[in-house]
Amino acid sequence: MGEITVYHYLFLGLALFVIGIAGSVISKHVIKVLISIEFILTGVNINFITFATYCDIPKLDGYIMALFYVAIGAVELAVALYIFYLMYSKKQSENIEKYGDL
């Protein structure tokens, strides 16, 4: 078995990012789109941590950016779920195509 290198982490981050993009474009369900956006943020966080670990050890900028993105992701998810709750109570559907009047 080989050693885990920076390229493995970058490939994992890229794979999560691409899965998130594909899921948010293809899916018609609001909750699946929100989960896909979280996949995108997770892929970006893995790349930040990878570059911080392998390139920028003394400054810790990558770790700070990853924590910032985790906080942004939590706030984004809370606001999006509240908006979804309001929309669902009005339209009684979780299909994105029903919310075209926004």
PDB file of N, CA and C in Angstrom:
ATOM      1  N   MET A   1       0.838  -1.176   0.000  1.00  0.00           N
ATOM      2  CA  MET A   1       0.000   0.000   0.000  1.00  0.00           C
ATOM      3  C   MET A   1       0.887   1.244   0.000  1.00  0.00           C
ATOM      4  N   GLY A   2       0.430   2.251  -0.720  1.00  0.00           N
ATOM      5  CA  GLY A   2       1.202   3.482  -0.831  1.00  0.00           C
ATOM      6  C   GLY A   2       0.907   4.456   0.290  1.00  0.00           C
ATOM      7  N   GLU A   3       1.715   5.457   0.351  1.00  0.00           N
ATOM      8  CA  GLU A   3       1.550   6.507   1.346  1.00  0.00           C
ATOM      9  C   GLU A   3       0.500   7.506   0.864  1.00  0.00           C
ATOM     10  N   ILE A   4      -0.256   8.048   1.794  1.00  0.00           N
ATOM     11  CA  ILE A   4      -1.259   9.052   1.449  1.00  0.00           C
ATOM     12  C   ILE A   4      -0.543  10.383   1.260  1.00  0.00           C
ATOM     13  N   THR A   5      -0.702  10.962   0.077  1.00  0.00           N
ATOM     14  CA  THR A   5      -0.022  12.209  -0.252  1.00  0.00           C
ATOM     15  C   THR A   5      -1.028  13.348  -0.367  1.00  0.00           C
ATOM     16  N   VAL A   6      -0.513  14.520  -0.707  1.00  0.00           N
ATOM     17  CA  VAL A   6      -1.360  15.702  -0.865  1.00  0.00           C
ATOM     18  C   VAL A   6      -2.352  15.503  -2.001  1.00  0.00           C
ATOM     19  N   TYR A   7      -1.969  14.733  -3.016  1.00  0.00           N
ATOM     20  CA  TYR A   7      -2.850  14.520  -4.159  1.00  0.00           C
ATOM     21  C   TYR A   7      -4.091  13.706  -3.793  1.00  0.00           C
ATOM     22  N   HIS A   8      -3.973  12.817  -2.836  1.00  0.00           N
ATOM     23  CA  HIS A   8      -5.138  12.063  -2.383  1.00  0.00           C
ATOM     24  C   HIS A   8      -6.166  12.985  -1.733  1.00  0.00           C
ATOM     25  N   TYR A   9      -5.674  13.896  -0.902  1.00  0.00           N
ATOM     26  CA  TYR A   9      -6.581  14.841  -0.248  1.00  0.00           C
ATOM     27  C   TYR A   9      -7.217  15.801  -1.257  1.00  0.00           C
ATOM     28  N   LEU A  10      -6.408  16.254  -2.203  1.00  0.00           N
ATOM     29  CA  LEU A  10      -6.954  17.154  -3.223  1.00  0.00           C
ATOM     30  C   LEU A  10      -7.978  16.452  -4.094  1.00  0.00           C
ATOM     31  N   PHE A  11      -7.739  15.179  -4.401  1.00  0.00           N
ATOM     32  CA  PHE A  11      -8.722  14.423  -5.178  1.00  0.00           C
ATOM     33  C   PHE A  11     -10.009  14.227  -4.379  1.00  0.00           C
ATOM     34  N   LEU A  12      -9.890  13.967  -3.087  1.00  0.00           N
ATOM     35  CA  LEU A  12     -11.088  13.825  -2.247  1.00  0.00           C
ATOM     36  C   LEU A  12     -11.884  15.123  -2.210  1.00  0.00           C
ATOM     37  N   GLY A  13     -11.191  16.256  -2.044  1.00  0.00           N
ATOM     38  CA  GLY A  13     -11.869  17.551  -2.053  1.00  0.00           C
ATOM     39  C   GLY A  13     -12.537  17.830  -3.383  1.00  0.00           C
ATOM     40  N   LEU A  14     -11.844  17.510  -4.481  1.00  0.00           N
ATOM     41  CA  LEU A  14     -12.421  17.711  -5.811  1.00  0.00           C
ATOM     42  C   LEU A  14     -13.628  16.807  -6.024  1.00  0.00           C
ATOM     43  N   ALA A  15     -13.537  15.554  -5.587  1.00  0.00           N
ATOM     44  CA  ALA A  15     -14.656  14.623  -5.751  1.00  0.00           C
ATOM     45  C   ALA A  15     -15.887  15.108  -4.991  1.00  0.00           C
ATOM     46  N   LEU A  16     -15.700  15.562  -3.763  1.00  0.00           N
ATOM     47  CA  LEU A  16     -16.839  16.080  -2.993  1.00  0.00           C
ATOM     48  C   LEU A  16     -17.419  17.330  -3.640  1.00  0.00           C
ATOM     49  N   PHE A  17     -16.545  18.191  -4.154  1.00  0.00           N
ATOM     50  CA  PHE A  17     -17.011  19.408  -4.810  1.00  0.00           C
ATOM     51  C   PHE A  17     -17.827  19.076  -6.054  1.00  0.00           C
ATOM     52  N   VAL A  18     -17.357  18.145  -6.876  1.00  0.00           N
ATOM     53  CA  VAL A  18     -18.068  17.770  -8.102  1.00  0.00           C
ATOM     54  C   VAL A  18     -19.384  17.069  -7.775  1.00  0.00           C
ATOM     55  N   ILE A  19     -19.384  16.211  -6.760  1.00  0.00           N
ATOM     56  CA  ILE A  19     -20.639  15.556  -6.341  1.00  0.00           C
ATOM     57  C   ILE A  19     -21.645  16.603  -5.876  1.00  0.00           C
ATOM     58  N   GLY A  20     -21.181  17.602  -5.139  1.00  0.00           N
ATOM     59  CA  GLY A  20     -22.077  18.662  -4.682  1.00  0.00           C
ATOM     60  C   GLY A  20     -22.632  19.492  -5.819  1.00  0.00           C
ATOM     61  N   ILE A  21     -21.788  19.841  -6.793  1.00  0.00           N
ATOM     62  CA  ILE A  21     -22.259  20.602  -7.956  1.00  0.00           C
ATOM     63  C   ILE A  21     -23.280  19.790  -8.743  1.00  0.00           C
ATOM     64  N   ALA A  22     -22.960  18.526  -8.992  1.00  0.00           N
ATOM     65  CA  ALA A  22     -23.891  17.677  -9.751  1.00  0.00           C
ATOM     66  C   ALA A  22     -25.204  17.496  -9.004  1.00  0.00           C
ATOM     67  N   GLY A  23     -25.136  17.301  -7.699  1.00  0.00           N
ATOM     68  CA  GLY A  23     -26.354  17.126  -6.915  1.00  0.00           C
ATOM     69  C   GLY A  23     -27.216  18.368  -6.873  1.00  0.00           C
ATOM     70  N   SER A  24     -26.592  19.529  -6.806  1.00  0.00           N
ATOM     71  CA  SER A  24     -27.390  20.750  -6.756  1.00  0.00           C
ATOM     72  C   SER A  24     -27.985  21.105  -8.112  1.00  0.00           C
ATOM     73  N   VAL A  25     -27.357  20.680  -9.197  1.00  0.00           N
ATOM     74  CA  VAL A  25     -27.899  20.963 -10.535  1.00  0.00           C
ATOM     75  C   VAL A  25     -28.967  19.950 -10.918  1.00  0.00           C
ATOM     76  N   ILE A  26     -28.753  18.682 -10.593  1.00  0.00           N
ATOM     77  CA  ILE A  26     -29.654  17.618 -11.045  1.00  0.00           C
ATOM     78  C   ILE A  26     -30.901  17.498 -10.168  1.00  0.00           C
ATOM     79  N   SER A  27     -30.752  17.668  -8.864  1.00  0.00           N
ATOM     80  CA  SER A  27     -31.839  17.365  -7.933  1.00  0.00           C
ATOM     81  C   SER A  27     -32.977  18.376  -8.020  1.00  0.00           C
ATOM     82  N   LYS A  28     -34.191  17.903  -7.818  1.00  0.00           N
ATOM     83  CA  LYS A  28     -35.385  18.751  -7.786  1.00  0.00           C
ATOM     84  C   LYS A  28     -35.934  18.905  -6.366  1.00  0.00           C
ATOM     85  N   HIS A  29     -35.335  18.242  -5.410  1.00  0.00           N
ATOM     86  CA  HIS A  29     -35.786  18.261  -4.031  1.00  0.00           C
ATOM     87  C   HIS A  29     -34.956  19.277  -3.251  1.00  0.00           C
ATOM     88  N   VAL A  30     -35.610  20.117  -2.468  1.00  0.00           N
ATOM     89  CA  VAL A  30     -34.937  21.218  -1.783  1.00  0.00           C
ATOM     90  C   VAL A  30     -33.913  20.708  -0.772  1.00  0.00           C
ATOM     91  N   ILE A  31     -34.259  19.702  -0.014  1.00  0.00           N
ATOM     92  CA  ILE A  31     -33.345  19.176   1.002  1.00  0.00           C
ATOM     93  C   ILE A  31     -32.112  18.559   0.346  1.00  0.00           C
ATOM     94  N   LYS A  32     -32.277  17.889  -0.782  1.00  0.00           N
ATOM     95  CA  LYS A  32     -31.122  17.324  -1.486  1.00  0.00           C
ATOM     96  C   LYS A  32     -30.199  18.419  -2.009  1.00  0.00           C
ATOM     97  N   VAL A  33     -30.763  19.529  -2.433  1.00  0.00           N
ATOM     98  CA  VAL A  33     -29.937  20.651  -2.885  1.00  0.00           C
ATOM     99  C   VAL A  33     -29.151  21.230  -1.710  1.00  0.00           C
ATOM    100  N   LEU A  34     -29.776  21.354  -0.545  1.00  0.00           N
ATOM    101  CA  LEU A  34     -29.068  21.856   0.628  1.00  0.00           C
ATOM    102  C   LEU A  34     -27.936  20.920   1.042  1.00  0.00           C
ATOM    103  N   ILE A  35     -28.169  19.620   0.985  1.00  0.00           N
ATOM    104  CA  ILE A  35     -27.115  18.661   1.304  1.00  0.00           C
ATOM    105  C   ILE A  35     -25.996  18.745   0.275  1.00  0.00           C
ATOM    106  N   SER A  36     -26.340  18.968  -0.988  1.00  0.00           N
ATOM    107  CA  SER A  36     -25.321  19.113  -2.028  1.00  0.00           C
ATOM    108  C   SER A  36     -24.463  20.349  -1.796  1.00  0.00           C
ATOM    109  N   ILE A  37     -25.061  21.422  -1.327  1.00  0.00           N
ATOM    110  CA  ILE A  37     -24.295  22.628  -1.005  1.00  0.00           C
ATOM    111  C   ILE A  37     -23.346  22.355   0.154  1.00  0.00           C
ATOM    112  N   GLU A  38     -23.771  21.551   1.107  1.00  0.00           N
ATOM    113  CA  GLU A  38     -22.876  21.176   2.200  1.00  0.00           C
ATOM    114  C   GLU A  38     -21.718  20.321   1.688  1.00  0.00           C
ATOM    115  N   PHE A  39     -21.965  19.458   0.696  1.00  0.00           N
ATOM    116  CA  PHE A  39     -20.880  18.697   0.076  1.00  0.00           C
ATOM    117  C   PHE A  39     -19.867  19.644  -0.565  1.00  0.00           C
ATOM    118  N   ILE A  40     -20.350  20.677  -1.230  1.00  0.00           N
ATOM    119  CA  ILE A  40     -19.454  21.660  -1.855  1.00  0.00           C
ATOM    120  C   ILE A  40     -18.590  22.330  -0.786  1.00  0.00           C
ATOM    121  N   LEU A  41     -19.200  22.767   0.300  1.00  0.00           N
ATOM    122  CA  LEU A  41     -18.435  23.416   1.369  1.00  0.00           C
ATOM    123  C   LEU A  41     -17.439  22.460   2.018  1.00  0.00           C
ATOM    124  N   THR A  42     -17.798  21.183   2.147  1.00  0.00           N
ATOM    125  CA  THR A  42     -16.879  20.202   2.714  1.00  0.00           C
ATOM    126  C   THR A  42     -15.678  19.980   1.803  1.00  0.00           C
ATOM    127  N   GLY A  43     -15.913  19.927   0.491  1.00  0.00           N
ATOM    128  CA  GLY A  43     -14.800  19.796  -0.448  1.00  0.00           C
ATOM    129  C   GLY A  43     -13.848  20.977  -0.377  1.00  0.00           C
ATOM    130  N   VAL A  44     -14.390  22.167  -0.252  1.00  0.00           N
ATOM    131  CA  VAL A  44     -13.557  23.367  -0.127  1.00  0.00           C
ATOM    132  C   VAL A  44     -12.775  23.333   1.185  1.00  0.00           C
ATOM    133  N   ASN A  45     -13.419  22.903   2.271  1.00  0.00           N
ATOM    134  CA  ASN A  45     -12.734  22.821   3.562  1.00  0.00           C
ATOM    135  C   ASN A  45     -11.587  21.818   3.528  1.00  0.00           C
ATOM    136  N   ILE A  46     -11.782  20.691   2.875  1.00  0.00           N
ATOM    137  CA  ILE A  46     -10.705  19.701   2.773  1.00  0.00           C
ATOM    138  C   ILE A  46      -9.517  20.300   2.029  1.00  0.00           C
ATOM    139  N   ASN A  47      -9.775  21.063   0.986  1.00  0.00           N
ATOM    140  CA  ASN A  47      -8.673  21.695   0.264  1.00  0.00           C
ATOM    141  C   ASN A  47      -7.968  22.742   1.119  1.00  0.00           C
ATOM    142  N   PHE A  48      -8.707  23.541   1.877  1.00  0.00           N
ATOM    143  CA  PHE A  48      -8.085  24.521   2.770  1.00  0.00           C
ATOM    144  C   PHE A  48      -7.185  23.839   3.796  1.00  0.00           C
ATOM    145  N   ILE A  49      -7.685  22.786   4.410  1.00  0.00           N
ATOM    146  CA  ILE A  49      -6.907  22.068   5.416  1.00  0.00           C
ATOM    147  C   ILE A  49      -5.683  21.416   4.783  1.00  0.00           C
ATOM    148  N   THR A  50      -5.836  20.875   3.581  1.00  0.00           N
ATOM    149  CA  THR A  50      -4.701  20.252   2.889  1.00  0.00           C
ATOM    150  C   THR A  50      -3.613  21.261   2.604  1.00  0.00           C
ATOM    151  N   PHE A  51      -3.971  22.405   2.052  1.00  0.00           N
ATOM    152  CA  PHE A  51      -2.962  23.415   1.760  1.00  0.00           C
ATOM    153  C   PHE A  51      -2.357  23.990   3.034  1.00  0.00           C
ATOM    154  N   ALA A  52      -3.140  24.102   4.093  1.00  0.00           N
ATOM    155  CA  ALA A  52      -2.591  24.588   5.357  1.00  0.00           C
ATOM    156  C   ALA A  52      -1.615  23.582   5.954  1.00  0.00           C
ATOM    157  N   THR A  53      -1.916  22.303   5.800  1.00  0.00           N
ATOM    158  CA  THR A  53      -1.044  21.280   6.359  1.00  0.00           C
ATOM    159  C   THR A  53       0.258  21.153   5.587  1.00  0.00           C
ATOM    160  N   TYR A  54       0.177  21.180   4.273  1.00  0.00           N
ATOM    161  CA  TYR A  54       1.359  20.912   3.462  1.00  0.00           C
ATOM    162  C   TYR A  54       2.132  22.165   3.051  1.00  0.00           C
ATOM    163  N   CYS A  55       1.519  23.339   3.101  1.00  0.00           N
ATOM    164  CA  CYS A  55       2.191  24.530   2.559  1.00  0.00           C
ATOM    165  C   CYS A  55       2.349  25.663   3.558  1.00  0.00           C
ATOM    166  N   ASP A  56       1.426  25.839   4.482  1.00  0.00           N
ATOM    167  CA  ASP A  56       1.355  27.073   5.256  1.00  0.00           C
ATOM    168  C   ASP A  56       1.281  26.771   6.750  1.00  0.00           C
ATOM    169  N   ILE A  57       2.211  26.015   7.267  1.00  0.00           N
ATOM    170  CA  ILE A  57       2.128  25.562   8.654  1.00  0.00           C
ATOM    171  C   ILE A  57       2.236  26.708   9.671  1.00  0.00           C
ATOM    172  N   PRO A  58       3.180  27.636   9.557  1.00  0.00           N
ATOM    173  CA  PRO A  58       3.304  28.644  10.634  1.00  0.00           C
ATOM    174  C   PRO A  58       2.133  29.620  10.740  1.00  0.00           C
ATOM    175  N   LYS A  59       1.497  29.945   9.631  1.00  0.00           N
ATOM    176  CA  LYS A  59       0.469  30.984   9.669  1.00  0.00           C
ATOM    177  C   LYS A  59      -0.916  30.466  10.042  1.00  0.00           C
ATOM    178  N   LEU A  60      -1.227  29.222   9.744  1.00  0.00           N
ATOM    179  CA  LEU A  60      -2.519  28.596  10.056  1.00  0.00           C
ATOM    180  C   LEU A  60      -3.697  29.259   9.340  1.00  0.00           C
ATOM    181  N   ASP A  61      -3.456  29.890   8.205  1.00  0.00           N
ATOM    182  CA  ASP A  61      -4.533  30.556   7.476  1.00  0.00           C
ATOM    183  C   ASP A  61      -5.576  29.574   6.958  1.00  0.00           C
ATOM    184  N   GLY A  62      -5.148  28.422   6.508  1.00  0.00           N
ATOM    185  CA  GLY A  62      -6.091  27.436   5.984  1.00  0.00           C
ATOM    186  C   GLY A  62      -7.048  26.922   7.043  1.00  0.00           C
ATOM    187  N   TYR A  63      -6.543  26.718   8.248  1.00  0.00           N
ATOM    188  CA  TYR A  63      -7.404  26.252   9.336  1.00  0.00           C
ATOM    189  C   TYR A  63      -8.430  27.316   9.725  1.00  0.00           C
ATOM    190  N   ILE A  64      -8.003  28.553   9.750  1.00  0.00           N
ATOM    191  CA  ILE A  64      -8.918  29.648  10.097  1.00  0.00           C
ATOM    192  C   ILE A  64      -9.997  29.789   9.027  1.00  0.00           C
ATOM    193  N   MET A  65      -9.594  29.681   7.755  1.00  0.00           N
ATOM    194  CA  MET A  65     -10.582  29.749   6.671  1.00  0.00           C
ATOM    195  C   MET A  65     -11.552  28.577   6.738  1.00  0.00           C
ATOM    196  N   ALA A  66     -11.072  27.381   7.078  1.00  0.00           N
ATOM    197  CA  ALA A  66     -11.955  26.221   7.192  1.00  0.00           C
ATOM    198  C   ALA A  66     -12.964  26.418   8.320  1.00  0.00           C
ATOM    199  N   LEU A  67     -12.512  26.948   9.451  1.00  0.00           N
ATOM    200  CA  LEU A  67     -13.447  27.228  10.542  1.00  0.00           C
ATOM    201  C   LEU A  67     -14.464  28.293  10.148  1.00  0.00           C
ATOM    202  N   PHE A  68     -14.010  29.290   9.396  1.00  0.00           N
ATOM    203  CA  PHE A  68     -14.907  30.321   8.905  1.00  0.00           C
ATOM    204  C   PHE A  68     -15.968  29.709   7.992  1.00  0.00           C
ATOM    205  N   TYR A  69     -15.564  28.796   7.093  1.00  0.00           N
ATOM    206  CA  TYR A  69     -16.517  28.170   6.197  1.00  0.00           C
ATOM    207  C   TYR A  69     -17.473  27.234   6.934  1.00  0.00           C
ATOM    208  N   VAL A  70     -17.032  26.602   7.996  1.00  0.00           N
ATOM    209  CA  VAL A  70     -17.939  25.773   8.794  1.00  0.00           C
ATOM    210  C   VAL A  70     -19.003  26.652   9.444  1.00  0.00           C
ATOM    211  N   ALA A  71     -18.595  27.803   9.960  1.00  0.00           N
ATOM    212  CA  ALA A  71     -19.569  28.726  10.563  1.00  0.00           C
ATOM    213  C   ALA A  71     -20.538  29.251   9.514  1.00  0.00           C
ATOM    214  N   ILE A  72     -20.017  29.620   8.349  1.00  0.00           N
ATOM    215  CA  ILE A  72     -20.886  30.092   7.262  1.00  0.00           C
ATOM    216  C   ILE A  72     -21.850  28.989   6.830  1.00  0.00           C
ATOM    217  N   GLY A  73     -21.358  27.753   6.752  1.00  0.00           N
ATOM    218  CA  GLY A  73     -22.221  26.634   6.367  1.00  0.00           C
ATOM    219  C   GLY A  73     -23.336  26.388   7.365  1.00  0.00           C
ATOM    220  N   ALA A  74     -23.043  26.519   8.653  1.00  0.00           N
ATOM    221  CA  ALA A  74     -24.072  26.325   9.672  1.00  0.00           C
ATOM    222  C   ALA A  74     -25.138  27.413   9.592  1.00  0.00           C
ATOM    223  N   VAL A  75     -24.714  28.638   9.421  1.00  0.00           N
ATOM    224  CA  VAL A  75     -25.673  29.741   9.302  1.00  0.00           C
ATOM    225  C   VAL A  75     -26.489  29.605   8.024  1.00  0.00           C
ATOM    226  N   GLU A  76     -25.815  29.243   6.929  1.00  0.00           N
ATOM    227  CA  GLU A  76     -26.513  29.065   5.646  1.00  0.00           C
ATOM    228  C   GLU A  76     -27.560  27.970   5.745  1.00  0.00           C
ATOM    229  N   LEU A  77     -27.218  26.876   6.391  1.00  0.00           N
ATOM    230  CA  LEU A  77     -28.171  25.775   6.517  1.00  0.00           C
ATOM    231  C   LEU A  77     -29.358  26.166   7.391  1.00  0.00           C
ATOM    232  N   ALA A  78     -29.116  26.882   8.473  1.00  0.00           N
ATOM    233  CA  ALA A  78     -30.213  27.303   9.351  1.00  0.00           C
ATOM    234  C   ALA A  78     -31.164  28.250   8.624  1.00  0.00           C
ATOM    235  N   VAL A  79     -30.617  29.219   7.903  1.00  0.00           N
ATOM    236  CA  VAL A  79     -31.457  30.173   7.171  1.00  0.00           C
ATOM    237  C   VAL A  79     -32.200  29.467   6.038  1.00  0.00           C
ATOM    238  N   ALA A  80     -31.520  28.582   5.328  1.00  0.00           N
ATOM    239  CA  ALA A  80     -32.160  27.873   4.214  1.00  0.00           C
ATOM    240  C   ALA A  80     -33.277  26.955   4.702  1.00  0.00           C
ATOM    241  N   LEU A  81     -33.068  26.274   5.817  1.00  0.00           N
ATOM    242  CA  LEU A  81     -34.134  25.423   6.349  1.00  0.00           C
ATOM    243  C   LEU A  81     -35.337  26.237   6.811  1.00  0.00           C
ATOM    244  N   TYR A  82     -35.107  27.416   7.369  1.00  0.00           N
ATOM    245  CA  TYR A  82     -36.218  28.273   7.770  1.00  0.00           C
ATOM    246  C   TYR A  82     -36.988  28.775   6.542  1.00  0.00           C
ATOM    247  N   ILE A  83     -36.259  29.168   5.508  1.00  0.00           N
ATOM    248  CA  ILE A  83     -36.921  29.597   4.270  1.00  0.00           C
ATOM    249  C   ILE A  83     -37.700  28.442   3.664  1.00  0.00           C
ATOM    250  N   PHE A  84     -37.116  27.233   3.688  1.00  0.00           N
ATOM    251  CA  PHE A  84     -37.825  26.060   3.178  1.00  0.00           C
ATOM    252  C   PHE A  84     -39.087  25.791   3.992  1.00  0.00           C
ATOM    253  N   TYR A  85     -39.010  25.946   5.307  1.00  0.00           N
ATOM    254  CA  TYR A  85     -40.184  25.748   6.150  1.00  0.00           C
ATOM    255  C   TYR A  85     -41.303  26.727   5.778  1.00  0.00           C
ATOM    256  N   LEU A  86     -40.932  27.984   5.567  1.00  0.00           N
ATOM    257  CA  LEU A  86     -41.937  28.980   5.179  1.00  0.00           C
ATOM    258  C   LEU A  86     -42.525  28.667   3.802  1.00  0.00           C
ATOM    259  N   MET A  87     -41.687  28.264   2.864  1.00  0.00           N
ATOM    260  CA  MET A  87     -42.169  27.943   1.518  1.00  0.00           C
ATOM    261  C   MET A  87     -43.030  26.680   1.532  1.00  0.00           C
ATOM    262  N   TYR A  88     -42.622  25.681   2.324  1.00  0.00           N
ATOM    263  CA  TYR A  88     -43.390  24.442   2.376  1.00  0.00           C
ATOM    264  C   TYR A  88     -44.759  24.665   3.013  1.00  0.00           C
ATOM    265  N   SER A  89     -44.823  25.518   4.005  1.00  0.00           N
ATOM    266  CA  SER A  89     -46.121  25.770   4.635  1.00  0.00           C
ATOM    267  C   SER A  89     -47.074  26.491   3.682  1.00  0.00           C
ATOM    268  N   LYS A  90     -46.533  27.192   2.694  1.00  0.00           N
ATOM    269  CA  LYS A  90     -47.390  27.889   1.724  1.00  0.00           C
ATOM    270  C   LYS A  90     -47.764  26.992   0.538  1.00  0.00           C
ATOM    271  N   LYS A  91     -46.803  26.253  -0.018  1.00  0.00           N
ATOM    272  CA  LYS A  91     -47.038  25.477  -1.243  1.00  0.00           C
ATOM    273  C   LYS A  91     -47.298  23.997  -1.005  1.00  0.00           C
ATOM    274  N   GLN A  92     -46.951  23.452   0.156  1.00  0.00           N
ATOM    275  CA  GLN A  92     -47.136  22.039   0.496  1.00  0.00           C
ATOM    276  C   GLN A  92     -46.414  21.095  -0.482  1.00  0.00           C
ATOM    277  N   SER A  93     -45.240  21.489  -0.919  1.00  0.00           N
ATOM    278  CA  SER A  93     -44.445  20.654  -1.819  1.00  0.00           C
ATOM    279  C   SER A  93     -42.972  20.950  -1.597  1.00  0.00           C
ATOM    280  N   GLU A  94     -42.145  19.909  -1.758  1.00  0.00           N
ATOM    281  CA  GLU A  94     -40.704  20.123  -1.637  1.00  0.00           C
ATOM    282  C   GLU A  94     -40.004  20.111  -2.990  1.00  0.00           C
ATOM    283  N   ASN A  95     -40.770  20.155  -4.073  1.00  0.00           N
ATOM    284  CA  ASN A  95     -40.220  20.194  -5.425  1.00  0.00           C
ATOM    285  C   ASN A  95     -39.821  21.634  -5.759  1.00  0.00           C
ATOM    286  N   ILE A  96     -38.617  21.822  -6.271  1.00  0.00           N
ATOM    287  CA  ILE A  96     -38.105  23.169  -6.558  1.00  0.00           C
ATOM    288  C   ILE A  96     -38.894  23.836  -7.659  1.00  0.00           C
ATOM    289  N   GLU A  97     -39.395  23.090  -8.601  1.00  0.00           N
ATOM    290  CA  GLU A  97     -40.105  23.679  -9.739  1.00  0.00           C
ATOM    291  C   GLU A  97     -41.392  24.390  -9.322  1.00  0.00           C
ATOM    292  N   LYS A  98     -41.940  24.057  -8.178  1.00  0.00           N
ATOM    293  CA  LYS A  98     -43.166  24.710  -7.700  1.00  0.00           C
ATOM    294  C   LYS A  98     -42.904  26.100  -7.133  1.00  0.00           C
ATOM    295  N   TYR A  99     -41.626  26.419  -6.897  1.00  0.00           N
ATOM    296  CA  TYR A  99     -41.268  27.689  -6.280  1.00  0.00           C
ATOM    297  C   TYR A  99     -40.676  28.655  -7.297  1.00  0.00           C
ATOM    298  N   GLY A 100     -41.136  28.635  -8.503  1.00  0.00           N
ATOM    299  CA  GLY A 100     -40.636  29.500  -9.558  1.00  0.00           C
ATOM    300  C   GLY A 100     -41.013  30.965  -9.393  1.00  0.00           C
ATOM    301  N   ASP A 101     -41.994  31.264  -8.567  1.00  0.00           N
ATOM    302  CA  ASP A 101     -42.449  32.645  -8.412  1.00  0.00           C
ATOM    303  C   ASP A 101     -41.577  33.457  -7.464  1.00  0.00           C
ATOM    304  N   LEU A 102     -40.526  32.864  -6.936  1.00  0.00           N
ATOM    305  CA  LEU A 102     -39.626  33.610  -6.055  1.00  0.00           C
ATOM    306  C   LEU A 102     -38.811  34.527  -6.913  1.00  0.00           C
TER     307      LEU A 102
END
